């Protein structure tokens, strides 16, 4: 009973705190964008893409998006609910599914969002890993949709490694930061 109440309280409060923290950190960082001219040009021309970034690097990724609308694939796990609600507060929609649970529904959801003219965002290494190794299904998704895959990453001079689930980085304020995109799509 207490566990359920704590979980519901966390789900209700944590996304507000997390989205506010991401916005605050973004305002305190000196962010350098690397190789974004092509993707920003594609977005201005209304072209859609699949944005791919590593699972442990997703915290600051909502900062980069400048397109017409994007939907991210989020795990059906409890942590996924926190992420889905946090990114919603940052203007990003989500569909639920992962390689281990609900993957077909997740892919169908992404395809429906793409048909509405939205970009798709995924973490190709997935929540269970292996870290920094893309799963092959992303290539199948690109073939089905005809959309190019644009790999992106975020790095900062100061960070703290969080070890909840798959290790992720929490970035610290007042630092240099870099958002990088591939200069060519895959």
N, C-alpha and C. Protein backbone atom coordinates (compact mmCIF):
# COMPACT_ATOMS: atom_id res chain seq x y z
N UNK A 1 0.82 -1.20 0.00
CA UNK A 1 0.00 0.00 0.00
C UNK A 1 0.86 1.26 0.00
N UNK A 2 1.81 1.33 0.93
CA UNK A 2 2.70 2.50 1.02
C UNK A 2 3.54 2.60 -0.25
N UNK A 3 4.00 1.45 -0.76
CA UNK A 3 4.80 1.44 -1.98
C UNK A 3 4.02 2.02 -3.16
N UNK A 4 2.74 1.65 -3.26
CA UNK A 4 1.88 2.15 -4.33
C UNK A 4 1.70 3.66 -4.24
N UNK A 5 1.46 4.15 -3.03
CA UNK A 5 1.27 5.59 -2.82
C UNK A 5 2.55 6.34 -3.16
N UNK A 6 3.70 5.82 -2.73
CA UNK A 6 4.98 6.45 -3.05
C UNK A 6 5.22 6.48 -4.55
N UNK A 7 4.91 5.36 -5.23
CA UNK A 7 5.09 5.30 -6.68
C UNK A 7 4.20 6.33 -7.37
N UNK A 8 2.93 6.40 -6.99
CA UNK A 8 2.02 7.37 -7.62
C UNK A 8 2.47 8.80 -7.35
N UNK A 9 2.96 9.06 -6.15
CA UNK A 9 3.46 10.39 -5.81
C UNK A 9 4.69 10.73 -6.65
N UNK A 10 5.59 9.78 -6.78
CA UNK A 10 6.79 9.98 -7.59
C UNK A 10 6.42 10.26 -9.04
N UNK A 11 5.51 9.46 -9.59
CA UNK A 11 5.07 9.64 -10.97
C UNK A 11 4.42 11.01 -11.17
N UNK A 12 3.75 11.51 -10.16
CA UNK A 12 3.07 12.81 -10.27
C UNK A 12 4.04 13.99 -10.12
N UNK A 13 5.06 13.86 -9.28
CA UNK A 13 5.93 15.00 -8.96
C UNK A 13 7.23 15.01 -9.75
N UNK A 14 7.88 13.86 -9.89
CA UNK A 14 9.21 13.80 -10.50
C UNK A 14 9.29 14.42 -11.90
N UNK A 15 8.32 14.22 -12.80
CA UNK A 15 8.43 14.84 -14.13
C UNK A 15 8.48 16.37 -14.08
N UNK A 16 7.76 16.99 -13.15
CA UNK A 16 7.81 18.45 -13.00
C UNK A 16 9.21 18.90 -12.58
N UNK A 17 9.78 18.18 -11.63
CA UNK A 17 11.12 18.52 -11.14
C UNK A 17 12.15 18.28 -12.24
N UNK A 18 12.08 17.12 -12.90
CA UNK A 18 13.06 16.77 -13.93
C UNK A 18 13.02 17.73 -15.11
N UNK A 19 11.83 18.07 -15.60
CA UNK A 19 11.75 18.99 -16.74
C UNK A 19 12.24 20.38 -16.35
N UNK A 20 11.95 20.82 -15.14
CA UNK A 20 12.45 22.12 -14.67
C UNK A 20 13.97 22.09 -14.55
N UNK A 21 14.52 20.99 -14.06
CA UNK A 21 15.97 20.84 -13.93
C UNK A 21 16.64 20.88 -15.30
N UNK A 22 16.08 20.18 -16.27
CA UNK A 22 16.65 20.18 -17.62
C UNK A 22 16.65 21.59 -18.19
N UNK A 23 15.55 22.31 -18.05
CA UNK A 23 15.49 23.70 -18.54
C UNK A 23 16.52 24.58 -17.82
N UNK A 24 16.63 24.43 -16.51
CA UNK A 24 17.59 25.21 -15.73
C UNK A 24 19.02 24.92 -16.18
N UNK A 25 19.36 23.64 -16.29
CA UNK A 25 20.71 23.28 -16.71
C UNK A 25 21.02 23.83 -18.10
N UNK A 26 20.04 23.76 -18.99
CA UNK A 26 20.24 24.27 -20.35
C UNK A 26 20.57 25.76 -20.34
N UNK A 27 19.91 26.50 -19.46
CA UNK A 27 20.16 27.95 -19.40
C UNK A 27 21.51 28.29 -18.80
N UNK A 28 22.09 27.38 -18.04
CA UNK A 28 23.38 27.66 -17.42
C UNK A 28 24.56 27.13 -18.23
N UNK A 29 24.29 26.38 -19.29
CA UNK A 29 25.37 25.79 -20.10
C UNK A 29 25.69 26.65 -21.31
N UNK A 30 26.93 26.59 -21.72
CA UNK A 30 27.34 27.17 -23.00
C UNK A 30 27.37 26.01 -23.99
N UNK A 31 26.30 25.90 -24.77
CA UNK A 31 26.16 24.74 -25.66
C UNK A 31 26.68 25.08 -27.05
N UNK A 32 27.54 24.22 -27.56
CA UNK A 32 28.04 24.32 -28.92
C UNK A 32 27.36 23.23 -29.74
N UNK A 33 26.74 23.62 -30.85
CA UNK A 33 26.07 22.67 -31.74
C UNK A 33 27.04 22.31 -32.86
N UNK A 34 27.27 21.02 -33.07
CA UNK A 34 28.22 20.54 -34.06
C UNK A 34 27.47 19.77 -35.14
N UNK A 35 27.67 20.16 -36.41
CA UNK A 35 27.07 19.47 -37.57
C UNK A 35 25.55 19.52 -37.59
N UNK A 36 24.94 20.58 -37.11
CA UNK A 36 23.49 20.66 -37.09
C UNK A 36 22.91 21.42 -38.28
N UNK A 37 23.73 22.03 -39.10
CA UNK A 37 23.21 22.84 -40.20
C UNK A 37 22.32 22.02 -41.13
N UNK A 38 22.76 20.80 -41.49
CA UNK A 38 21.99 19.97 -42.41
C UNK A 38 20.65 19.56 -41.81
N UNK A 39 20.67 19.07 -40.58
CA UNK A 39 19.42 18.61 -39.98
C UNK A 39 18.46 19.77 -39.74
N UNK A 40 18.97 20.92 -39.30
CA UNK A 40 18.09 22.07 -39.12
C UNK A 40 17.50 22.52 -40.45
N UNK A 41 18.31 22.44 -41.53
CA UNK A 41 17.80 22.75 -42.87
C UNK A 41 16.72 21.78 -43.31
N UNK A 42 16.95 20.48 -43.04
CA UNK A 42 15.93 19.47 -43.37
C UNK A 42 14.63 19.76 -42.63
N UNK A 43 14.73 20.09 -41.36
CA UNK A 43 13.52 20.39 -40.57
C UNK A 43 12.80 21.62 -41.11
N UNK A 44 13.56 22.64 -41.52
CA UNK A 44 12.92 23.85 -42.08
C UNK A 44 12.20 23.53 -43.38
N UNK A 45 12.73 22.57 -44.15
CA UNK A 45 12.10 22.17 -45.42
C UNK A 45 10.98 21.15 -45.20
N UNK A 46 10.72 20.77 -43.96
CA UNK A 46 9.63 19.84 -43.67
C UNK A 46 9.98 18.37 -43.84
N UNK A 47 11.28 18.05 -43.95
CA UNK A 47 11.68 16.64 -44.08
C UNK A 47 11.68 15.98 -42.71
N UNK A 48 11.24 14.74 -42.68
CA UNK A 48 11.22 13.98 -41.44
C UNK A 48 12.42 13.07 -41.33
N UNK A 49 12.80 12.73 -40.10
CA UNK A 49 13.97 11.90 -39.84
C UNK A 49 13.72 10.98 -38.64
N UNK A 50 14.61 10.01 -38.49
CA UNK A 50 14.69 9.21 -37.27
C UNK A 50 15.90 9.73 -36.51
N UNK A 51 15.67 10.29 -35.34
CA UNK A 51 16.75 10.77 -34.48
C UNK A 51 17.15 9.62 -33.56
N UNK A 52 18.44 9.29 -33.54
CA UNK A 52 18.93 8.19 -32.70
C UNK A 52 20.01 8.71 -31.75
N UNK A 53 19.86 8.39 -30.47
CA UNK A 53 20.87 8.79 -29.50
C UNK A 53 20.97 7.70 -28.43
N UNK A 54 22.13 7.58 -27.82
CA UNK A 54 22.38 6.52 -26.85
C UNK A 54 21.52 6.70 -25.61
N UNK A 55 21.12 5.59 -25.04
CA UNK A 55 20.24 5.58 -23.88
C UNK A 55 20.81 6.41 -22.72
N UNK A 56 22.09 6.28 -22.43
CA UNK A 56 22.70 7.01 -21.32
C UNK A 56 22.94 8.48 -21.60
N UNK A 57 22.60 8.95 -22.80
CA UNK A 57 22.83 10.35 -23.18
C UNK A 57 21.53 11.09 -23.45
N UNK A 58 20.41 10.59 -22.97
CA UNK A 58 19.13 11.17 -23.37
C UNK A 58 18.69 12.39 -22.57
N UNK A 59 19.28 12.64 -21.41
CA UNK A 59 18.76 13.69 -20.53
C UNK A 59 18.62 15.05 -21.20
N UNK A 60 19.60 15.48 -21.94
CA UNK A 60 19.57 16.82 -22.51
C UNK A 60 19.11 16.85 -23.97
N UNK A 61 18.75 15.71 -24.54
CA UNK A 61 18.36 15.67 -25.95
C UNK A 61 17.12 16.50 -26.29
N UNK A 62 16.16 16.70 -25.39
CA UNK A 62 15.02 17.55 -25.76
C UNK A 62 15.42 18.97 -26.17
N UNK A 63 16.61 19.40 -25.80
CA UNK A 63 17.07 20.75 -26.14
C UNK A 63 17.31 20.94 -27.63
N UNK A 64 17.64 19.88 -28.32
CA UNK A 64 18.10 19.99 -29.69
C UNK A 64 16.98 20.09 -30.71
N UNK A 65 15.81 19.61 -30.38
CA UNK A 65 14.78 19.45 -31.40
C UNK A 65 14.21 20.78 -31.87
N UNK A 66 14.22 20.98 -33.20
CA UNK A 66 13.71 22.21 -33.80
C UNK A 66 12.75 21.91 -34.95
N UNK A 67 12.25 20.69 -35.01
CA UNK A 67 11.36 20.29 -36.10
C UNK A 67 9.90 20.62 -35.80
N UNK A 68 9.00 19.97 -36.57
CA UNK A 68 7.56 20.25 -36.46
C UNK A 68 6.85 19.41 -35.43
N UNK A 69 7.48 18.41 -34.93
CA UNK A 69 6.88 17.52 -33.94
C UNK A 69 7.65 16.22 -33.92
N UNK A 70 7.84 15.68 -32.74
CA UNK A 70 8.62 14.45 -32.61
C UNK A 70 7.98 13.54 -31.58
N UNK A 71 8.10 12.25 -31.82
CA UNK A 71 7.61 11.24 -30.89
C UNK A 71 8.75 10.29 -30.58
N UNK A 72 8.94 10.02 -29.29
CA UNK A 72 10.03 9.15 -28.86
C UNK A 72 9.47 7.82 -28.38
N UNK A 73 10.19 6.75 -28.67
CA UNK A 73 9.83 5.42 -28.18
C UNK A 73 10.37 5.29 -26.76
N UNK A 74 9.47 5.00 -25.81
CA UNK A 74 9.83 4.92 -24.39
C UNK A 74 9.42 3.56 -23.85
N UNK A 75 10.26 3.00 -23.02
CA UNK A 75 10.00 1.70 -22.40
C UNK A 75 8.69 1.68 -21.63
N UNK A 76 8.08 0.49 -21.53
CA UNK A 76 6.86 0.33 -20.75
C UNK A 76 7.16 0.13 -19.26
N UNK A 77 8.43 0.10 -18.91
CA UNK A 77 8.83 -0.06 -17.52
C UNK A 77 8.46 1.18 -16.72
N UNK A 78 8.49 1.08 -15.40
CA UNK A 78 8.15 2.19 -14.51
C UNK A 78 9.01 3.43 -14.80
N UNK A 79 10.31 3.24 -15.04
CA UNK A 79 11.17 4.37 -15.39
C UNK A 79 10.71 5.04 -16.67
N UNK A 80 10.18 4.24 -17.59
CA UNK A 80 9.67 4.78 -18.84
C UNK A 80 8.52 5.75 -18.63
N UNK A 81 7.69 5.50 -17.64
CA UNK A 81 6.58 6.40 -17.33
C UNK A 81 7.11 7.76 -16.88
N UNK A 82 8.16 7.75 -16.08
CA UNK A 82 8.77 9.01 -15.65
C UNK A 82 9.34 9.77 -16.85
N UNK A 83 10.02 9.04 -17.74
CA UNK A 83 10.60 9.68 -18.93
C UNK A 83 9.49 10.22 -19.82
N UNK A 84 8.45 9.42 -20.07
CA UNK A 84 7.35 9.85 -20.95
C UNK A 84 6.70 11.13 -20.42
N UNK A 85 6.46 11.18 -19.13
CA UNK A 85 5.82 12.38 -18.55
C UNK A 85 6.76 13.58 -18.54
N UNK A 86 8.05 13.33 -18.34
CA UNK A 86 9.02 14.43 -18.35
C UNK A 86 9.14 15.04 -19.74
N UNK A 87 9.32 14.20 -20.77
CA UNK A 87 9.47 14.74 -22.12
C UNK A 87 8.19 15.40 -22.61
N UNK A 88 7.04 14.93 -22.14
CA UNK A 88 5.76 15.57 -22.49
C UNK A 88 5.76 17.02 -22.01
N UNK A 89 6.29 17.26 -20.82
CA UNK A 89 6.38 18.62 -20.28
C UNK A 89 7.38 19.47 -21.08
N UNK A 90 8.25 18.81 -21.85
CA UNK A 90 9.22 19.51 -22.69
C UNK A 90 8.75 19.57 -24.15
N UNK A 91 7.49 19.20 -24.41
CA UNK A 91 6.92 19.31 -25.74
C UNK A 91 7.14 18.13 -26.66
N UNK A 92 7.49 16.98 -26.10
CA UNK A 92 7.78 15.80 -26.91
C UNK A 92 6.78 14.70 -26.56
N UNK A 93 6.15 14.14 -27.60
CA UNK A 93 5.20 13.04 -27.40
C UNK A 93 5.96 11.72 -27.29
N UNK A 94 5.28 10.70 -26.80
CA UNK A 94 5.92 9.38 -26.69
C UNK A 94 4.93 8.28 -27.03
N UNK A 95 5.48 7.16 -27.47
CA UNK A 95 4.73 5.91 -27.59
C UNK A 95 5.48 4.91 -26.74
N UNK A 96 4.76 3.91 -26.24
CA UNK A 96 5.37 2.98 -25.30
C UNK A 96 5.65 1.64 -25.95
N UNK A 97 6.81 1.09 -25.63
CA UNK A 97 7.21 -0.22 -26.12
C UNK A 97 8.72 -0.34 -26.03
N UNK A 98 9.23 -1.55 -26.03
CA UNK A 98 10.68 -1.76 -26.01
C UNK A 98 10.98 -3.11 -26.64
N UNK A 99 12.26 -3.42 -26.74
CA UNK A 99 12.65 -4.67 -27.39
C UNK A 99 12.19 -5.90 -26.59
N UNK A 100 11.92 -5.73 -25.30
CA UNK A 100 11.52 -6.87 -24.48
C UNK A 100 10.04 -6.91 -24.16
N UNK A 101 9.35 -5.76 -24.27
CA UNK A 101 7.93 -5.74 -23.89
C UNK A 101 7.20 -4.70 -24.74
N UNK A 102 6.21 -5.15 -25.47
CA UNK A 102 5.38 -4.24 -26.24
C UNK A 102 6.04 -3.63 -27.46
N UNK A 103 7.03 -4.32 -28.03
CA UNK A 103 7.78 -3.73 -29.14
C UNK A 103 6.91 -3.52 -30.37
N UNK A 104 6.01 -4.46 -30.66
CA UNK A 104 5.17 -4.32 -31.85
C UNK A 104 4.25 -3.11 -31.72
N UNK A 105 3.64 -2.94 -30.56
CA UNK A 105 2.79 -1.76 -30.33
C UNK A 105 3.59 -0.47 -30.41
N UNK A 106 4.82 -0.50 -29.91
CA UNK A 106 5.69 0.67 -29.97
C UNK A 106 6.02 1.05 -31.41
N UNK A 107 6.39 0.06 -32.21
CA UNK A 107 6.72 0.32 -33.61
C UNK A 107 5.49 0.81 -34.37
N UNK A 108 4.33 0.18 -34.13
CA UNK A 108 3.10 0.64 -34.79
C UNK A 108 2.80 2.09 -34.40
N UNK A 109 2.99 2.41 -33.13
CA UNK A 109 2.78 3.78 -32.67
C UNK A 109 3.70 4.76 -33.36
N UNK A 110 4.98 4.38 -33.52
CA UNK A 110 5.93 5.25 -34.22
C UNK A 110 5.52 5.45 -35.68
N UNK A 111 5.09 4.37 -36.33
CA UNK A 111 4.66 4.47 -37.73
C UNK A 111 3.44 5.38 -37.87
N UNK A 112 2.50 5.28 -36.93
CA UNK A 112 1.33 6.17 -36.96
C UNK A 112 1.74 7.63 -36.79
N UNK A 113 2.67 7.89 -35.88
CA UNK A 113 3.13 9.26 -35.65
C UNK A 113 3.87 9.79 -36.88
N UNK A 114 4.66 8.92 -37.54
CA UNK A 114 5.36 9.32 -38.75
C UNK A 114 4.38 9.69 -39.85
N UNK A 115 3.28 8.94 -39.96
CA UNK A 115 2.26 9.24 -40.98
C UNK A 115 1.61 10.59 -40.73
N UNK A 116 1.62 11.04 -39.47
CA UNK A 116 1.08 12.36 -39.13
C UNK A 116 2.08 13.48 -39.43
N UNK A 117 3.27 13.11 -39.95
CA UNK A 117 4.27 14.12 -40.29
C UNK A 117 5.27 14.40 -39.19
N UNK A 118 5.34 13.53 -38.20
CA UNK A 118 6.26 13.74 -37.09
C UNK A 118 7.57 12.99 -37.30
N UNK A 119 8.62 13.51 -36.67
CA UNK A 119 9.88 12.80 -36.62
C UNK A 119 9.79 11.73 -35.54
N UNK A 120 10.73 10.79 -35.58
CA UNK A 120 10.77 9.69 -34.63
C UNK A 120 12.10 9.77 -33.88
N UNK A 121 12.07 9.54 -32.58
CA UNK A 121 13.31 9.50 -31.79
C UNK A 121 13.39 8.17 -31.07
N UNK A 122 14.58 7.57 -31.10
CA UNK A 122 14.77 6.28 -30.44
C UNK A 122 16.16 6.22 -29.80
N UNK A 123 16.28 5.30 -28.86
CA UNK A 123 17.58 4.96 -28.29
C UNK A 123 17.92 3.58 -28.84
N UNK A 124 18.82 3.49 -29.82
CA UNK A 124 19.06 2.21 -30.49
C UNK A 124 19.73 1.15 -29.63
N UNK A 125 20.33 1.55 -28.50
CA UNK A 125 20.95 0.54 -27.64
C UNK A 125 19.97 -0.01 -26.61
N UNK A 126 18.82 0.60 -26.47
CA UNK A 126 17.77 0.08 -25.59
C UNK A 126 18.14 0.11 -24.12
N UNK A 127 17.15 -0.06 -23.26
CA UNK A 127 17.39 0.05 -21.83
C UNK A 127 18.21 -1.10 -21.24
N UNK A 128 18.20 -2.25 -21.88
CA UNK A 128 18.94 -3.40 -21.33
C UNK A 128 20.31 -3.56 -21.97
N UNK A 129 20.62 -2.73 -22.97
CA UNK A 129 21.94 -2.79 -23.56
C UNK A 129 22.05 -3.85 -24.63
N UNK A 130 23.25 -4.17 -25.03
CA UNK A 130 24.49 -3.63 -24.49
C UNK A 130 24.66 -2.15 -24.81
N UNK A 131 25.28 -1.42 -23.87
CA UNK A 131 25.47 0.02 -24.02
C UNK A 131 26.26 0.35 -25.28
N UNK A 132 25.81 1.39 -25.96
CA UNK A 132 26.50 1.96 -27.12
C UNK A 132 26.63 0.98 -28.29
N UNK A 133 25.75 -0.01 -28.35
CA UNK A 133 25.70 -0.92 -29.51
C UNK A 133 24.27 -0.89 -30.02
N UNK A 134 24.11 -0.42 -31.26
CA UNK A 134 22.77 -0.28 -31.84
C UNK A 134 22.18 -1.64 -32.15
N UNK A 135 20.90 -1.79 -31.86
CA UNK A 135 20.17 -3.00 -32.21
C UNK A 135 19.79 -2.92 -33.69
N UNK A 136 19.68 -4.06 -34.34
CA UNK A 136 19.45 -4.09 -35.79
C UNK A 136 18.07 -3.60 -36.20
N UNK A 137 17.10 -3.59 -35.30
CA UNK A 137 15.74 -3.21 -35.68
C UNK A 137 15.65 -1.76 -36.15
N UNK A 138 16.58 -0.91 -35.75
CA UNK A 138 16.54 0.49 -36.18
C UNK A 138 16.71 0.59 -37.70
N UNK A 139 17.52 -0.30 -38.26
CA UNK A 139 17.72 -0.29 -39.72
C UNK A 139 16.43 -0.74 -40.41
N UNK A 140 15.77 -1.73 -39.85
CA UNK A 140 14.47 -2.16 -40.39
C UNK A 140 13.45 -1.04 -40.33
N UNK A 141 13.45 -0.28 -39.23
CA UNK A 141 12.53 0.85 -39.10
C UNK A 141 12.81 1.90 -40.18
N UNK A 142 14.09 2.16 -40.43
CA UNK A 142 14.46 3.12 -41.48
C UNK A 142 14.02 2.62 -42.86
N UNK A 143 14.16 1.33 -43.11
CA UNK A 143 13.73 0.76 -44.40
C UNK A 143 12.23 0.87 -44.57
N UNK A 144 11.48 0.55 -43.51
CA UNK A 144 10.01 0.60 -43.58
C UNK A 144 9.52 2.02 -43.82
N UNK A 145 10.11 2.97 -43.10
CA UNK A 145 9.64 4.36 -43.17
C UNK A 145 10.24 5.16 -44.31
N UNK A 146 11.42 4.74 -44.78
CA UNK A 146 12.12 5.52 -45.80
C UNK A 146 12.79 6.76 -45.22
N UNK A 147 12.81 6.87 -43.89
CA UNK A 147 13.42 8.04 -43.25
C UNK A 147 14.89 7.80 -42.97
N UNK A 148 15.72 8.85 -43.09
CA UNK A 148 17.13 8.69 -42.74
C UNK A 148 17.32 8.66 -41.23
N UNK A 149 18.33 7.93 -40.78
CA UNK A 149 18.69 7.89 -39.36
C UNK A 149 19.74 8.97 -39.12
N UNK A 150 19.47 9.86 -38.17
CA UNK A 150 20.41 10.91 -37.81
C UNK A 150 20.92 10.63 -36.40
N UNK A 151 22.16 10.10 -36.28
CA UNK A 151 22.72 9.87 -34.94
C UNK A 151 23.06 11.21 -34.28
N UNK A 152 22.75 11.31 -32.99
CA UNK A 152 23.07 12.52 -32.22
C UNK A 152 23.62 12.11 -30.86
N UNK A 153 24.39 13.01 -30.26
CA UNK A 153 24.88 12.76 -28.91
C UNK A 153 25.05 14.07 -28.17
N UNK A 154 25.15 13.98 -26.87
CA UNK A 154 25.35 15.14 -26.00
C UNK A 154 26.50 14.82 -25.07
N UNK A 155 27.38 15.78 -24.88
CA UNK A 155 28.48 15.61 -23.94
C UNK A 155 28.75 16.92 -23.22
N UNK A 156 29.31 16.83 -22.04
CA UNK A 156 29.59 18.03 -21.25
C UNK A 156 30.89 17.85 -20.49
N UNK A 157 31.47 18.99 -20.11
CA UNK A 157 32.75 18.95 -19.42
C UNK A 157 32.64 18.39 -18.01
N UNK A 158 31.50 18.57 -17.37
CA UNK A 158 31.30 18.06 -16.00
C UNK A 158 30.02 17.25 -15.98
N UNK A 159 30.10 16.06 -15.43
CA UNK A 159 28.91 15.22 -15.35
C UNK A 159 29.05 14.24 -14.21
N UNK A 160 27.92 13.73 -13.79
CA UNK A 160 27.89 12.72 -12.73
C UNK A 160 27.19 11.50 -13.31
N UNK A 161 27.78 10.35 -13.12
CA UNK A 161 27.21 9.11 -13.62
C UNK A 161 26.12 8.62 -12.67
N UNK A 162 24.92 8.46 -13.21
CA UNK A 162 23.80 7.91 -12.44
C UNK A 162 23.70 6.43 -12.76
N UNK A 163 23.55 5.60 -11.76
CA UNK A 163 23.56 4.16 -12.01
C UNK A 163 22.19 3.51 -11.84
N UNK A 164 21.13 4.26 -12.01
CA UNK A 164 19.78 3.69 -11.95
C UNK A 164 19.47 3.07 -13.30
N UNK A 165 19.19 1.78 -13.33
CA UNK A 165 18.94 1.11 -14.61
C UNK A 165 20.22 1.12 -15.42
N UNK A 166 20.13 1.51 -16.69
CA UNK A 166 21.32 1.64 -17.50
C UNK A 166 22.02 2.94 -17.09
N UNK A 167 23.34 2.94 -16.89
CA UNK A 167 24.02 4.16 -16.46
C UNK A 167 23.73 5.34 -17.39
N UNK A 168 23.42 6.48 -16.80
CA UNK A 168 23.12 7.71 -17.52
C UNK A 168 23.93 8.83 -16.91
N UNK A 169 24.10 9.90 -17.68
CA UNK A 169 24.85 11.04 -17.18
C UNK A 169 23.91 12.16 -16.78
N UNK A 170 24.16 12.74 -15.61
CA UNK A 170 23.46 13.93 -15.15
C UNK A 170 24.46 15.07 -15.28
N UNK A 171 24.12 16.08 -16.01
CA UNK A 171 25.05 17.16 -16.29
C UNK A 171 24.94 18.24 -15.23
N UNK A 172 26.06 18.86 -14.95
CA UNK A 172 26.16 19.84 -13.87
C UNK A 172 26.16 21.23 -14.48
N UNK A 173 25.60 22.21 -13.76
CA UNK A 173 25.43 23.55 -14.30
C UNK A 173 26.76 24.27 -14.53
N UNK A 174 26.68 25.37 -15.27
CA UNK A 174 27.79 26.28 -15.55
C UNK A 174 28.99 25.54 -16.17
N UNK A 175 28.79 25.02 -17.34
CA UNK A 175 29.84 24.27 -18.00
C UNK A 175 29.72 24.39 -19.51
N UNK A 176 30.74 23.91 -20.19
CA UNK A 176 30.69 23.81 -21.65
C UNK A 176 29.99 22.51 -22.00
N UNK A 177 29.15 22.57 -23.03
CA UNK A 177 28.44 21.37 -23.46
C UNK A 177 28.42 21.31 -24.98
N UNK A 178 28.27 20.13 -25.53
CA UNK A 178 28.29 19.92 -26.97
C UNK A 178 27.14 19.01 -27.37
N UNK A 179 26.38 19.44 -28.36
CA UNK A 179 25.37 18.60 -29.00
C UNK A 179 25.89 18.34 -30.41
N UNK A 180 26.00 17.09 -30.77
CA UNK A 180 26.58 16.75 -32.06
C UNK A 180 25.63 15.86 -32.85
N UNK A 181 25.52 16.14 -34.15
CA UNK A 181 24.73 15.31 -35.06
C UNK A 181 25.65 14.81 -36.16
N UNK A 182 25.29 13.71 -36.77
CA UNK A 182 26.06 13.22 -37.90
C UNK A 182 25.92 14.20 -39.05
N UNK A 183 27.01 14.45 -39.75
CA UNK A 183 26.93 15.37 -40.89
C UNK A 183 26.25 14.71 -42.08
N UNK A 184 26.19 13.39 -42.09
CA UNK A 184 25.50 12.63 -43.13
C UNK A 184 24.54 11.68 -42.44
N UNK A 185 23.38 11.49 -43.03
CA UNK A 185 22.44 10.53 -42.43
C UNK A 185 22.88 9.12 -42.78
N UNK A 186 22.41 8.16 -42.00
CA UNK A 186 22.74 6.76 -42.25
C UNK A 186 21.65 6.11 -43.07
